[in-house]
C-alpha atoms as a PDB file:
ATOM      1  CA  MET A   1      90.843 111.693  75.299  1.00  0.00           C
ATOM      2  CA  SER A   2      90.566 110.837  79.034  1.00  0.00           C
ATOM      3  CA  VAL A   3      92.213 107.557  80.506  1.00  0.00           C
ATOM      4  CA  LEU A   4      92.286 106.083  83.876  1.00  0.00           C
ATOM      5  CA  ALA A   5      95.665 104.447  84.713  1.00  0.00           C
ATOM      6  CA  LEU A   6      94.804 101.546  87.422  1.00  0.00           C
ATOM      7  CA  ALA A   7      97.363  99.581  89.523  1.00  0.00           C
ATOM      8  CA  CYS A   8     100.412 101.265  87.547  1.00  0.00           C
ATOM      9  CA  LEU A   9     102.875 104.336  87.911  1.00  0.00           C
ATOM     10  CA  VAL A  10     102.233 106.597  85.486  1.00  0.00           C
ATOM     11  CA  TYR A  11     105.081 106.264  82.511  1.00  0.00           C
ATOM     12  CA  LEU A  12     106.205 109.344  80.591  1.00  0.00           C
ATOM     13  CA  TRP A  13     105.338 107.691  77.239  1.00  0.00           C
ATOM     14  CA  GLN A  14     101.795 107.468  78.597  1.00  0.00           C
ATOM     15  CA  LEU A  15     101.702 111.373  78.885  1.00  0.00           C
ATOM     16  CA  LEU A  16     102.917 112.048  75.992  1.00  0.00           C
ATOM     17  CA  ILE A  17     101.162 109.980  73.514  1.00  0.00           C
ATOM     18  CA  LEU A  18      97.818 108.882  75.208  1.00  0.00           C
ATOM     19  CA  PRO A  19      95.258 111.229  76.554  1.00  0.00           C
ATOM     20  CA  ASN A  20      94.526 114.790  76.925  1.00  0.00           C
ATOM     21  CA  ASN A  21      93.702 114.020  80.618  1.00  0.00           C
ATOM     22  CA  LEU A  22      95.008 110.815  82.872  1.00  0.00           C
ATOM     23  CA  SER A  23      93.499 109.966  85.873  1.00  0.00           C
ATOM     24  CA  SER A  24      95.587 107.548  88.072  1.00  0.00           C
ATOM     25  CA  LEU A  25      94.249 105.643  90.210  1.00  0.00           C
ATOM     26  CA  ILE A  26      96.513 104.493  93.329  1.00  0.00           C
ATOM     27  CA  ALA A  27      95.622 102.598  96.548  1.00  0.00           C
ATOM     28  CA  LEU A  28      98.786 103.077  98.412  1.00  0.00           C
ATOM     29  CA  GLY A  29      99.597 106.647 100.073  1.00  0.00           C
ATOM     30  CA  LYS A  30     103.283 106.532 100.065  1.00  0.00           C
ATOM     31  CA  ARG A  31     102.864 105.977  96.050  1.00  0.00           C
ATOM     32  CA  ILE A  32     100.582 108.704  95.602  1.00  0.00           C
ATOM     33  CA  SER A  33     102.524 111.179  97.518  1.00  0.00           C
ATOM     34  CA  PHE A  34     105.316 110.465  95.279  1.00  0.00           C
ATOM     35  CA  ILE A  35     103.056 110.912  92.205  1.00  0.00           C
ATOM     36  CA  ARG A  36     101.710 114.157  93.598  1.00  0.00           C
ATOM     37  CA  ASN A  37     105.072 115.654  94.335  1.00  0.00           C
ATOM     38  CA  ALA A  38     106.315 114.435  90.714  1.00  0.00           C
ATOM     39  CA  ILE A  39     103.121 116.181  89.181  1.00  0.00           C
ATOM     40  CA  ARG A  40     103.840 119.273  91.379  1.00  0.00           C
ATOM     41  CA  GLU A  41     107.636 119.428  90.261  1.00  0.00           C
ATOM     42  CA  LEU A  42     107.251 118.851  86.359  1.00  0.00           C
ATOM     43  CA  ARG A  43     104.308 121.056  86.494  1.00  0.00           C
ATOM     44  CA  LEU A  44     102.284 118.392  84.911  1.00  0.00           C
ATOM     45  CA  THR A  45      98.654 119.724  84.133  1.00  0.00           C
ATOM     46  CA  ASN A  46      96.861 116.575  82.521  1.00  0.00           C
ATOM     47  CA  VAL A  47      97.506 114.165  85.516  1.00  0.00           C
ATOM     48  CA  ALA A  48      95.014 113.925  88.368  1.00  0.00           C
ATOM     49  CA  PRO A  49      95.883 111.207  90.957  1.00  0.00           C
ATOM     50  CA  VAL A  50      93.341 109.580  92.700  1.00  0.00           C
ATOM     51  CA  LEU A  51      93.767 107.828  96.298  1.00  0.00           C
ATOM     52  CA  SER A  52      91.237 104.783  96.086  1.00  0.00           C
ATOM     53  CA  ARG A  53      91.099 101.262  95.798  1.00  0.00           C
ATOM     54  CA  VAL A  54      89.689  99.820  92.329  1.00  0.00           C
ATOM     55  CA  GLU A  55      86.530  98.008  94.048  1.00  0.00           C
ATOM     56  CA  GLU A  56      85.824 101.370  95.834  1.00  0.00           C
ATOM     57  CA  TYR A  57      86.337 103.834  92.860  1.00  0.00           C
ATOM     58  CA  GLN A  58      83.286 105.918  91.466  1.00  0.00           C
ATOM     59  CA  PRO A  59      84.413 108.240  89.070  1.00  0.00           C
ATOM     60  CA  GLU A  60      82.009 111.099  87.893  1.00  0.00           C
ATOM     61  CA  ASP A  61      82.588 110.697  84.412  1.00  0.00           C
ATOM     62  CA  LYS A  62      83.525 107.824  82.395  1.00  0.00           C
ATOM     63  CA  PHE A  63      86.882 107.719  80.638  1.00  0.00           C
ATOM     64  CA  ASP A  64      87.786 106.725  77.074  1.00  0.00           C
ATOM     65  CA  GLY A  65      90.175 104.188  78.068  1.00  0.00           C
ATOM     66  CA  VAL A  66      91.749 102.558  80.876  1.00  0.00           C
ATOM     67  CA  LEU A  67      95.453 101.563  81.213  1.00  0.00           C
ATOM     68  CA  SER A  68      96.676  98.925  83.647  1.00  0.00           C
ATOM     69  CA  ARG A  69      98.788  95.923  84.566  1.00  0.00           C
ATOM     70  CA  ALA A  70      96.607  93.042  85.103  1.00  0.00           C
ATOM     71  CA  PHE A  71      95.705  92.729  89.090  1.00  0.00           C
ATOM     72  CA  ALA A  72      93.091  89.981  88.678  1.00  0.00           C
ATOM     73  CA  SER A  73      91.895  87.274  87.002  1.00  0.00           C
ATOM     74  CA  LEU A  74      90.517  88.505  83.427  1.00  0.00           C
ATOM     75  CA  LYS A  75      86.837  87.686  84.297  1.00  0.00           C
ATOM     76  CA  ARG A  76      86.976  89.884  87.410  1.00  0.00           C
ATOM     77  CA  TYR A  77      89.384  92.694  86.155  1.00  0.00           C
ATOM     78  CA  ASP A  78      86.515  93.097  83.388  1.00  0.00           C
ATOM     79  CA  ARG A  79      83.689  93.103  86.090  1.00  0.00           C
ATOM     80  CA  LEU A  80      85.781  95.636  88.059  1.00  0.00           C
ATOM     81  CA  VAL A  81      86.998  98.158  85.206  1.00  0.00           C
ATOM     82  CA  SER A  82      84.191  97.760  82.478  1.00  0.00           C
ATOM     83  CA  SER A  83      81.900 100.317  84.390  1.00  0.00           C
ATOM     84  CA  PHE A  84      84.901 102.878  84.024  1.00  0.00           C
ATOM     85  CA  THR A  85      84.609 103.230  80.202  1.00  0.00           C
ATOM     86  CA  LYS A  86      82.381 104.692  77.728  1.00  0.00           C
ATOM     87  CA  LYS A  87      82.602 101.719  75.531  1.00  0.00           C
ATOM     88  CA  LYS A  88      82.994  98.396  76.548  1.00  0.00           C
ATOM     89  CA  MET A  89      86.125  97.304  75.239  1.00  0.00           C
ATOM     90  CA  ASP A  90      88.527 100.282  75.722  1.00  0.00           C
ATOM     91  CA  ILE A  91      90.841  98.466  77.968  1.00  0.00           C
ATOM     92  CA  PHE A  92      94.351  97.971  77.604  1.00  0.00           C
ATOM     93  CA  ILE A  93      96.485  95.835  79.531  1.00  0.00           C
ATOM     94  CA  HIS A  94     100.312  95.881  80.020  1.00  0.00           C
END
């Protein structure tokens, strides 16, 4: 299972129970530096941090699901992230 995490930090439970592969889309340089360092220190092999805004992101492959906090109206949110998933409804908002 591959999951894209948007606009949120990677939580430990996400790594333990959700995907085999987690891509974390992060728009802030300081935050991605922290995440990259944590990945290196914890020797995580299933996390790929990506520095990009959701509006500009164009993944090579589609994801099984999207995990995110809401960052826009649901209509705009759906328009922005629905193209990232293999199936229309595999979007999880927290």
